[in-house]
PDB file of N, CA and C in Angstrom:
ATOM      1  N   MET A   1      -7.632-106.214  33.050  1.00  0.00           N
ATOM      2  CA  MET A   1      -8.206-105.470  32.108  1.00  0.00           C
ATOM      3  C   MET A   1      -9.548-105.130  31.372  1.00  0.00           C
ATOM      4  N   ASP A   2     -10.294-106.489  31.422  1.00  0.00           N
ATOM      5  CA  ASP A   2     -11.254-106.706  31.139  1.00  0.00           C
ATOM      6  C   ASP A   2     -12.094-106.481  32.743  1.00  0.00           C
ATOM      7  N   LEU A   3     -11.920-105.499  33.843  1.00  0.00           N
ATOM      8  CA  LEU A   3     -12.675-106.190  34.798  1.00  0.00           C
ATOM      9  C   LEU A   3     -12.595-104.312  35.130  1.00  0.00           C
ATOM     10  N   LEU A   4     -11.472-103.751  34.530  1.00  0.00           N
ATOM     11  CA  LEU A   4     -11.185-101.996  34.475  1.00  0.00           C
ATOM     12  C   LEU A   4     -12.421-101.563  33.515  1.00  0.00           C
ATOM     13  N   ASN A   5     -12.490-102.343  32.022  1.00  0.00           N
ATOM     14  CA  ASN A   5     -13.085-101.928  30.827  1.00  0.00           C
ATOM     15  C   ASN A   5     -14.901-101.993  31.570  1.00  0.00           C
ATOM     16  N   SER A   6     -14.869-102.942  32.130  1.00  0.00           N
ATOM     17  CA  SER A   6     -16.317-102.934  32.672  1.00  0.00           C
ATOM     18  C   SER A   6     -16.686-102.146  33.939  1.00  0.00           C
ATOM     19  N   SER A   7     -15.520-101.995  34.662  1.00  0.00           N
ATOM     20  CA  SER A   7     -15.940-100.853  35.928  1.00  0.00           C
ATOM     21  C   SER A   7     -16.006 -99.160  35.106  1.00  0.00           C
ATOM     22  N   ALA A   8     -14.653 -99.076  34.277  1.00  0.00           N
ATOM     23  CA  ALA A   8     -14.974 -97.590  33.788  1.00  0.00           C
ATOM     24  C   ALA A   8     -16.328 -97.713  32.126  1.00  0.00           C
ATOM     25  N   GLN A   9     -17.013 -98.947  32.211  1.00  0.00           N
ATOM     26  CA  GLN A   9     -18.554 -98.468  30.972  1.00  0.00           C
ATOM     27  C   GLN A   9     -19.426 -98.373  32.454  1.00  0.00           C
ATOM     28  N   LYS A  10     -19.420 -98.263  33.521  1.00  0.00           N
ATOM     29  CA  LYS A  10     -20.098 -97.716  34.915  1.00  0.00           C
ATOM     30  C   LYS A  10     -19.775 -96.687  35.425  1.00  0.00           C
ATOM     31  N   ASP A  11     -18.749 -96.156  34.624  1.00  0.00           N
ATOM     32  CA  ASP A  11     -18.443 -94.190  35.080  1.00  0.00           C
ATOM     33  C   ASP A  11     -17.766 -94.785  36.286  1.00  0.00           C
ATOM     34  N   PHE A  12     -16.733 -95.476  36.828  1.00  0.00           N
ATOM     35  CA  PHE A  12     -16.171 -95.636  38.191  1.00  0.00           C
ATOM     36  C   PHE A  12     -14.746 -94.860  37.455  1.00  0.00           C
ATOM     37  N   GLU A  13     -14.817 -93.869  38.703  1.00  0.00           N
ATOM     38  CA  GLU A  13     -13.127 -92.577  38.608  1.00  0.00           C
ATOM     39  C   GLU A  13     -12.169 -93.759  38.772  1.00  0.00           C
ATOM     40  N   LEU A  14     -11.971 -94.763  40.034  1.00  0.00           N
ATOM     41  CA  LEU A  14     -10.519 -95.308  39.530  1.00  0.00           C
ATOM     42  C   LEU A  14     -10.883 -95.829  38.700  1.00  0.00           C
ATOM     43  N   ALA A  15     -11.625 -96.500  37.893  1.00  0.00           N
ATOM     44  CA  ALA A  15     -10.930 -97.208  36.900  1.00  0.00           C
ATOM     45  C   ALA A  15     -10.452 -96.619  35.778  1.00  0.00           C
ATOM     46  N   TYR A  16     -11.037 -95.199  35.591  1.00  0.00           N
ATOM     47  CA  TYR A  16     -10.646 -94.534  34.474  1.00  0.00           C
ATOM     48  C   TYR A  16      -8.727 -94.117  34.834  1.00  0.00           C
ATOM     49  N   LEU A  17      -8.776 -93.727  36.432  1.00  0.00           N
ATOM     50  CA  LEU A  17      -7.454 -93.386  36.801  1.00  0.00           C
ATOM     51  C   LEU A  17      -6.557 -94.767  36.110  1.00  0.00           C
ATOM     52  N   ASN A  18      -6.614 -96.408  36.766  1.00  0.00           N
ATOM     53  CA  ASN A  18      -6.024 -97.318  36.809  1.00  0.00           C
ATOM     54  C   ASN A  18      -5.945 -97.527  35.149  1.00  0.00           C
ATOM     55  N   ILE A  19      -6.692 -97.217  34.617  1.00  0.00           N
ATOM     56  CA  ILE A  19      -6.636 -97.543  32.965  1.00  0.00           C
ATOM     57  C   ILE A  19      -5.656 -96.575  32.658  1.00  0.00           C
ATOM     58  N   GLY A  20      -6.043 -95.529  32.905  1.00  0.00           N
ATOM     59  CA  GLY A  20      -4.499 -94.178  32.401  1.00  0.00           C
ATOM     60  C   GLY A  20      -3.433 -94.654  32.993  1.00  0.00           C
ATOM     61  N   ASN A  21      -3.226 -95.313  34.213  1.00  0.00           N
ATOM     62  CA  ASN A  21      -1.901 -95.690  34.588  1.00  0.00           C
ATOM     63  C   ASN A  21      -1.293 -96.454  34.063  1.00  0.00           C
ATOM     64  N   LEU A  22      -2.133 -97.872  33.431  1.00  0.00           N
ATOM     65  CA  LEU A  22      -1.769 -98.981  32.537  1.00  0.00           C
ATOM     66  C   LEU A  22      -1.254 -97.940  31.404  1.00  0.00           C
ATOM     67  N   TYR A  23      -1.790 -97.843  30.749  1.00  0.00           N
ATOM     68  CA  TYR A  23      -1.496 -97.005  29.562  1.00  0.00           C
ATOM     69  C   TYR A  23      -0.030 -96.509  29.763  1.00  0.00           C
ATOM     70  N   SER A  24      -0.537 -95.372  30.909  1.00  0.00           N
ATOM     71  CA  SER A  24       1.282 -94.753  31.337  1.00  0.00           C
ATOM     72  C   SER A  24       2.509 -95.311  31.219  1.00  0.00           C
ATOM     73  N   THR A  25       2.500 -96.603  31.982  1.00  0.00           N
ATOM     74  CA  THR A  25       3.094 -97.503  32.218  1.00  0.00           C
ATOM     75  C   THR A  25       3.671 -98.714  31.538  1.00  0.00           C
ATOM     76  N   GLY A  26       2.755 -98.808  30.302  1.00  0.00           N
ATOM     77  CA  GLY A  26       2.739-100.206  29.196  1.00  0.00           C
ATOM     78  C   GLY A  26       2.598-101.340  29.898  1.00  0.00           C
ATOM     79  N   GLU A  27       1.936-101.197  31.315  1.00  0.00           N
ATOM     80  CA  GLU A  27       1.478-102.981  31.760  1.00  0.00           C
ATOM     81  C   GLU A  27       0.592-103.401  31.355  1.00  0.00           C
ATOM     82  N   CYS A  28       0.016-104.157  30.625  1.00  0.00           N
ATOM     83  CA  CYS A  28      -1.090-105.001  30.179  1.00  0.00           C
ATOM     84  C   CYS A  28      -1.345-104.232  28.630  1.00  0.00           C
ATOM     85  N   VAL A  29      -0.866-103.267  28.474  1.00  0.00           N
ATOM     86  CA  VAL A  29      -1.542-102.946  27.108  1.00  0.00           C
ATOM     87  C   VAL A  29       0.192-102.307  26.562  1.00  0.00           C
ATOM     88  N   ASN A  30      -0.260-101.660  25.266  1.00  0.00           N
ATOM     89  CA  ASN A  30       1.036-100.622  25.153  1.00  0.00           C
ATOM     90  C   ASN A  30       1.469 -99.507  25.094  1.00  0.00           C
ATOM     91  N   ARG A  31       2.781 -99.093  25.837  1.00  0.00           N
ATOM     92  CA  ARG A  31       2.961 -97.436  26.477  1.00  0.00           C
ATOM     93  C   ARG A  31       1.751 -96.693  25.059  1.00  0.00           C
ATOM     94  N   ASP A  32       0.817 -95.955  26.275  1.00  0.00           N
ATOM     95  CA  ASP A  32       0.273 -95.199  25.101  1.00  0.00           C
ATOM     96  C   ASP A  32       0.357 -93.644  25.982  1.00  0.00           C
ATOM     97  N   MET A  33       0.850 -92.759  26.266  1.00  0.00           N
ATOM     98  CA  MET A  33       0.384 -91.405  26.719  1.00  0.00           C
ATOM     99  C   MET A  33      -0.674 -90.607  26.357  1.00  0.00           C
ATOM    100  N   HIS A  34      -1.022 -90.460  25.256  1.00  0.00           N
ATOM    101  CA  HIS A  34      -1.682 -89.786  24.788  1.00  0.00           C
ATOM    102  C   HIS A  34      -3.192 -90.533  25.463  1.00  0.00           C
ATOM    103  N   GLU A  35      -3.326 -91.879  25.036  1.00  0.00           N
ATOM    104  CA  GLU A  35      -4.330 -93.054  25.894  1.00  0.00           C
ATOM    105  C   GLU A  35      -4.567 -92.446  27.215  1.00  0.00           C
ATOM    106  N   ALA A  36      -3.727 -92.727  27.953  1.00  0.00           N
ATOM    107  CA  ALA A  36      -3.086 -92.551  29.322  1.00  0.00           C
ATOM    108  C   ALA A  36      -4.264 -90.853  29.979  1.00  0.00           C
ATOM    109  N   VAL A  37      -3.951 -89.496  28.695  1.00  0.00           N
ATOM    110  CA  VAL A  37      -4.246 -88.701  29.227  1.00  0.00           C
ATOM    111  C   VAL A  37      -5.685 -88.601  28.658  1.00  0.00           C
ATOM    112  N   ILE A  38      -6.054 -89.331  28.316  1.00  0.00           N
ATOM    113  CA  ILE A  38      -7.429 -89.444  28.114  1.00  0.00           C
ATOM    114  C   ILE A  38      -8.460 -89.948  29.131  1.00  0.00           C
ATOM    115  N   TRP A  39      -7.760 -91.092  29.612  1.00  0.00           N
ATOM    116  CA  TRP A  39      -8.344 -91.075  30.761  1.00  0.00           C
ATOM    117  C   TRP A  39      -8.102 -90.675  31.706  1.00  0.00           C
ATOM    118  N   TRP A  40      -6.934 -90.408  32.289  1.00  0.00           N
ATOM    119  CA  TRP A  40      -6.915 -89.366  33.218  1.00  0.00           C
ATOM    120  C   TRP A  40      -7.961 -88.326  33.067  1.00  0.00           C
ATOM    121  N   GLU A  41      -7.743 -87.320  32.215  1.00  0.00           N
ATOM    122  CA  GLU A  41      -9.173 -86.389  32.043  1.00  0.00           C
ATOM    123  C   GLU A  41     -10.477 -86.986  32.434  1.00  0.00           C
ATOM    124  N   LYS A  42     -10.573 -88.329  32.198  1.00  0.00           N
ATOM    125  CA  LYS A  42     -12.300 -88.462  32.464  1.00  0.00           C
ATOM    126  C   LYS A  42     -12.168 -88.958  34.033  1.00  0.00           C
ATOM    127  N   ALA A  43     -11.123 -88.994  34.520  1.00  0.00           N
ATOM    128  CA  ALA A  43     -11.033 -89.551  35.845  1.00  0.00           C
ATOM    129  C   ALA A  43     -11.367 -87.800  36.499  1.00  0.00           C
ATOM    130  N   SER A  44     -10.319 -87.101  35.908  1.00  0.00           N
ATOM    131  CA  SER A  44     -10.286 -85.694  36.216  1.00  0.00           C
ATOM    132  C   SER A  44     -11.522 -85.139  36.169  1.00  0.00           C
ATOM    133  N   ILE A  45     -12.673 -85.407  35.467  1.00  0.00           N
ATOM    134  CA  ILE A  45     -13.762 -84.999  35.472  1.00  0.00           C
ATOM    135  C   ILE A  45     -14.558 -85.081  36.715  1.00  0.00           C
ATOM    136  N   LYS A  46     -14.465 -86.442  37.762  1.00  0.00           N
ATOM    137  CA  LYS A  46     -14.955 -86.789  38.403  1.00  0.00           C
ATOM    138  C   LYS A  46     -14.333 -86.023  39.579  1.00  0.00           C
ATOM    139  N   ASN A  47     -13.376 -85.129  39.702  1.00  0.00           N
ATOM    140  CA  ASN A  47     -12.721 -84.195  40.914  1.00  0.00           C
ATOM    141  C   ASN A  47     -11.228 -85.526  41.434  1.00  0.00           C
ATOM    142  N   ASN A  48     -11.113 -86.290  40.926  1.00  0.00           N
ATOM    143  CA  ASN A  48      -9.969 -87.499  41.262  1.00  0.00           C
ATOM    144  C   ASN A  48      -8.565 -86.452  41.310  1.00  0.00           C
ATOM    145  N   GLY A  49      -7.954 -86.158  42.574  1.00  0.00           N
ATOM    146  CA  GLY A  49      -6.861 -85.693  42.680  1.00  0.00           C
ATOM    147  C   GLY A  49      -5.541 -86.248  41.936  1.00  0.00           C
ATOM    148  N   GLN A  50      -5.542 -87.936  42.183  1.00  0.00           N
ATOM    149  CA  GLN A  50      -4.434 -88.518  41.436  1.00  0.00           C
ATOM    150  C   GLN A  50      -4.381 -88.484  40.174  1.00  0.00           C
ATOM    151  N   ALA A  51      -5.294 -88.184  39.468  1.00  0.00           N
ATOM    152  CA  ALA A  51      -5.371 -88.361  38.098  1.00  0.00           C
ATOM    153  C   ALA A  51      -4.907 -87.036  37.771  1.00  0.00           C
ATOM    154  N   GLU A  52      -5.620 -85.954  38.421  1.00  0.00           N
ATOM    155  CA  GLU A  52      -5.075 -84.442  37.657  1.00  0.00           C
ATOM    156  C   GLU A  52      -3.590 -84.336  38.165  1.00  0.00           C
ATOM    157  N   PHE A  53      -3.399 -84.785  39.726  1.00  0.00           N
ATOM    158  CA  PHE A  53      -1.377 -84.771  39.173  1.00  0.00           C
ATOM    159  C   PHE A  53      -1.207 -85.397  38.837  1.00  0.00           C
ATOM    160  N   ASN A  54      -1.056 -86.797  37.849  1.00  0.00           N
ATOM    161  CA  ASN A  54      -0.929 -87.280  36.347  1.00  0.00           C
ATOM    162  C   ASN A  54      -0.775 -86.605  35.589  1.00  0.00           C
ATOM    163  N   LEU A  55      -2.046 -85.794  35.418  1.00  0.00           N
ATOM    164  CA  LEU A  55      -2.281 -84.714  34.175  1.00  0.00           C
ATOM    165  C   LEU A  55      -1.238 -83.589  34.070  1.00  0.00           C
ATOM    166  N   ALA A  56      -0.841 -83.239  35.534  1.00  0.00           N
ATOM    167  CA  ALA A  56       0.365 -81.940  35.644  1.00  0.00           C
ATOM    168  C   ALA A  56       1.213 -82.405  35.340  1.00  0.00           C
ATOM    169  N   GLY A  57       1.667 -83.926  35.345  1.00  0.00           N
ATOM    170  CA  GLY A  57       2.987 -84.275  35.412  1.00  0.00           C
ATOM    171  C   GLY A  57       3.417 -84.092  33.736  1.00  0.00           C
ATOM    172  N   ALA A  58       2.520 -85.119  33.094  1.00  0.00           N
ATOM    173  CA  ALA A  58       2.279 -85.131  31.496  1.00  0.00           C
ATOM    174  C   ALA A  58       2.024 -83.868  31.009  1.00  0.00           C
ATOM    175  N   TYR A  59       1.942 -82.656  31.544  1.00  0.00           N
ATOM    176  CA  TYR A  59       1.910 -81.224  30.691  1.00  0.00           C
ATOM    177  C   TYR A  59       3.080 -80.570  30.903  1.00  0.00           C
ATOM    178  N   MET A  60       3.889 -81.092  32.632  1.00  0.00           N
ATOM    179  CA  MET A  60       5.122 -80.727  32.891  1.00  0.00           C
ATOM    180  C   MET A  60       5.835 -81.264  31.336  1.00  0.00           C
ATOM    181  N   ARG A  61       6.188 -82.193  31.370  1.00  0.00           N
ATOM    182  CA  ARG A  61       6.944 -82.845  30.554  1.00  0.00           C
ATOM    183  C   ARG A  61       6.902 -83.135  28.985  1.00  0.00           C
ATOM    184  N   GLY A  62       5.246 -82.714  28.606  1.00  0.00           N
ATOM    185  CA  GLY A  62       5.217 -82.391  27.686  1.00  0.00           C
ATOM    186  C   GLY A  62       4.664 -84.121  26.887  1.00  0.00           C
ATOM    187  N   ASP A  63       4.391 -85.195  27.984  1.00  0.00           N
ATOM    188  CA  ASP A  63       4.501 -86.420  27.161  1.00  0.00           C
ATOM    189  C   ASP A  63       2.759 -86.560  27.371  1.00  0.00           C
ATOM    190  N   GLY A  64       2.394 -87.130  25.732  1.00  0.00           N
ATOM    191  CA  GLY A  64       0.910 -87.334  25.402  1.00  0.00           C
ATOM    192  C   GLY A  64       0.349 -86.095  24.582  1.00  0.00           C
ATOM    193  N   VAL A  65       1.049 -85.233  25.416  1.00  0.00           N
ATOM    194  CA  VAL A  65       0.176 -83.707  25.071  1.00  0.00           C
ATOM    195  C   VAL A  65       1.067 -82.498  24.827  1.00  0.00           C
ATOM    196  N   PHE A  66       0.671 -81.638  24.889  1.00  0.00           N
ATOM    197  CA  PHE A  66       1.313 -79.917  24.141  1.00  0.00           C
ATOM    198  C   PHE A  66       1.518 -79.539  25.028  1.00  0.00           C
ATOM    199  N   PRO A  67       2.697 -79.279  25.291  1.00  0.00           N
ATOM    200  CA  PRO A  67       3.986 -79.008  26.477  1.00  0.00           C
ATOM    201  C   PRO A  67       3.275 -77.225  26.329  1.00  0.00           C
ATOM    202  N   GLY A  68       3.575 -76.205  27.360  1.00  0.00           N
ATOM    203  CA  GLY A  68       3.827 -75.231  27.260  1.00  0.00           C
ATOM    204  C   GLY A  68       2.245 -74.487  27.360  1.00  0.00           C
ATOM    205  N   SER A  69       1.101 -75.165  27.527  1.00  0.00           N
ATOM    206  CA  SER A  69       0.161 -74.459  27.587  1.00  0.00           C
ATOM    207  C   SER A  69      -0.438 -73.832  28.905  1.00  0.00           C
ATOM    208  N   GLY A  70      -0.134 -73.859  30.016  1.00  0.00           N
ATOM    209  CA  GLY A  70       0.267 -73.718  31.248  1.00  0.00           C
ATOM    210  C   GLY A  70      -1.108 -74.601  32.164  1.00  0.00           C
ATOM    211  N   MET A  71      -1.433 -75.802  30.921  1.00  0.00           N
ATOM    212  CA  MET A  71      -2.161 -76.430  32.109  1.00  0.00           C
ATOM    213  C   MET A  71      -1.684 -77.731  33.158  1.00  0.00           C
ATOM    214  N   ALA A  72      -0.296 -77.545  33.248  1.00  0.00           N
ATOM    215  CA  ALA A  72       0.392 -78.355  33.821  1.00  0.00           C
ATOM    216  C   ALA A  72      -0.172 -77.085  35.504  1.00  0.00           C
ATOM    217  N   ASP A  73       0.000 -76.449  35.388  1.00  0.00           N
ATOM    218  CA  ASP A  73      -0.475 -75.504  36.615  1.00  0.00           C
ATOM    219  C   ASP A  73      -1.490 -75.584  37.487  1.00  0.00           C
ATOM    220  N   ILE A  74      -2.735 -75.337  35.987  1.00  0.00           N
ATOM    221  CA  ILE A  74      -4.071 -75.809  36.797  1.00  0.00           C
ATOM    222  C   ILE A  74      -4.356 -77.460  36.829  1.00  0.00           C
ATOM    223  N   TYR A  75      -3.729 -78.180  36.163  1.00  0.00           N
ATOM    224  CA  TYR A  75      -4.379 -79.520  36.966  1.00  0.00           C
ATOM    225  C   TYR A  75      -3.165 -79.725  37.893  1.00  0.00           C
ATOM    226  N   LEU A  76      -2.245 -79.133  38.500  1.00  0.00           N
ATOM    227  CA  LEU A  76      -1.843 -79.003  39.771  1.00  0.00           C
ATOM    228  C   LEU A  76      -2.655 -78.413  40.682  1.00  0.00           C
ATOM    229  N   LYS A  77      -3.026 -77.504  40.525  1.00  0.00           N
ATOM    230  CA  LYS A  77      -4.030 -76.693  41.599  1.00  0.00           C
ATOM    231  C   LYS A  77      -5.216 -77.607  41.598  1.00  0.00           C
ATOM    232  N   LYS A  78      -5.793 -77.963  40.797  1.00  0.00           N
ATOM    233  CA  LYS A  78      -6.792 -78.633  41.250  1.00  0.00           C
ATOM    234  C   LYS A  78      -6.581 -80.274  41.492  1.00  0.00           C
ATOM    235  N   SER A  79      -5.695 -80.681  41.855  1.00  0.00           N
ATOM    236  CA  SER A  79      -5.401 -82.272  42.107  1.00  0.00           C
ATOM    237  C   SER A  79      -5.318 -81.557  44.044  1.00  0.00           C
ATOM    238  N   CYS A  80      -4.305 -80.665  44.334  1.00  0.00           N
ATOM    239  CA  CYS A  80      -4.070 -80.263  45.635  1.00  0.00           C
ATOM    240  C   CYS A  80      -5.961 -79.719  46.425  1.00  0.00           C
ATOM    241  N   SER A  81      -6.473 -79.072  45.366  1.00  0.00           N
ATOM    242  CA  SER A  81      -7.719 -78.364  46.068  1.00  0.00           C
ATOM    243  C   SER A  81      -8.783 -80.260  45.885  1.00  0.00           C
ATOM    244  N   HIS A  82      -8.488 -80.848  45.012  1.00  0.00           N
ATOM    245  CA  HIS A  82      -8.731 -82.155  45.615  1.00  0.00           C
ATOM    246  C   HIS A  82      -8.349 -83.240  46.694  1.00  0.00           C
ATOM    247  N   GLY A  83      -7.548 -82.838  47.166  1.00  0.00           N
ATOM    248  CA  GLY A  83      -6.723 -83.407  48.641  1.00  0.00           C
ATOM    249  C   GLY A  83      -5.751 -84.482  48.328  1.00  0.00           C
ATOM    250  N   TYR A  84      -4.986 -84.426  47.029  1.00  0.00           N
ATOM    251  CA  TYR A  84      -3.729 -85.082  46.179  1.00  0.00           C
ATOM    252  C   TYR A  84      -2.584 -84.094  47.269  1.00  0.00           C
ATOM    253  N   ALA A  85      -2.276 -84.634  48.365  1.00  0.00           N
ATOM    254  CA  ALA A  85      -1.329 -83.374  48.982  1.00  0.00           C
ATOM    255  C   ALA A  85       0.278 -83.831  48.482  1.00  0.00           C
ATOM    256  N   GLY A  86       0.838 -84.683  46.957  1.00  0.00           N
ATOM    257  CA  GLY A  86       2.034 -84.673  46.482  1.00  0.00           C
ATOM    258  C   GLY A  86       1.733 -83.337  45.903  1.00  0.00           C
ATOM    259  N   ALA A  87       0.672 -83.188  45.412  1.00  0.00           N
ATOM    260  CA  ALA A  87       0.089 -81.690  44.790  1.00  0.00           C
ATOM    261  C   ALA A  87       0.747 -80.381  45.198  1.00  0.00           C
ATOM    262  N   CYS A  88      -0.342 -80.883  46.920  1.00  0.00           N
ATOM    263  CA  CYS A  88       0.029 -79.649  47.687  1.00  0.00           C
ATOM    264  C   CYS A  88       1.593 -79.368  47.928  1.00  0.00           C
ATOM    265  N   ASP A  89       2.387 -80.341  48.145  1.00  0.00           N
ATOM    266  CA  ASP A  89       3.471 -80.755  48.445  1.00  0.00           C
ATOM    267  C   ASP A  89       4.383 -79.447  47.086  1.00  0.00           C
ATOM    268  N   LEU A  90       4.277 -80.035  45.369  1.00  0.00           N
ATOM    269  CA  LEU A  90       5.088 -79.357  45.244  1.00  0.00           C
ATOM    270  C   LEU A  90       4.959 -77.253  44.789  1.00  0.00           C
ATOM    271  N   LEU A  91       3.446 -77.518  45.049  1.00  0.00           N
ATOM    272  CA  LEU A  91       2.712 -76.088  45.593  1.00  0.00           C
ATOM    273  C   LEU A  91       3.082 -75.419  46.874  1.00  0.00           C
ATOM    274  N   LYS A  92       3.968 -75.744  47.538  1.00  0.00           N
ATOM    275  CA  LYS A  92       4.365 -75.384  48.746  1.00  0.00           C
ATOM    276  C   LYS A  92       5.981 -74.851  48.117  1.00  0.00           C
ATOM    277  N   LYS A  93       6.743 -75.598  47.000  1.00  0.00           N
ATOM    278  CA  LYS A  93       7.953 -75.209  46.706  1.00  0.00           C
ATOM    279  C   LYS A  93       8.155 -74.088  45.993  1.00  0.00           C
TER     280      LYS A  93
END
């Protein structure tokens, strides 16, 4: 976790993504979806498609965020536009 925090302080998007992933699963830290969303949003600002896909899922479930705000669709479309295949596949359905 120290290495990820150090990388996040240097503004590395993959560090943001991975810290969010750790908070979402509770690996190495206590599970905290609100904190996961904060880190994924930082990665999303850097156009990280996987983080945007994770955010879409959180908004769909209302996990760590308020559901029903339309943000799930926004993040799903952003994720696909940034090349994340899983998001593009869902949009085709």
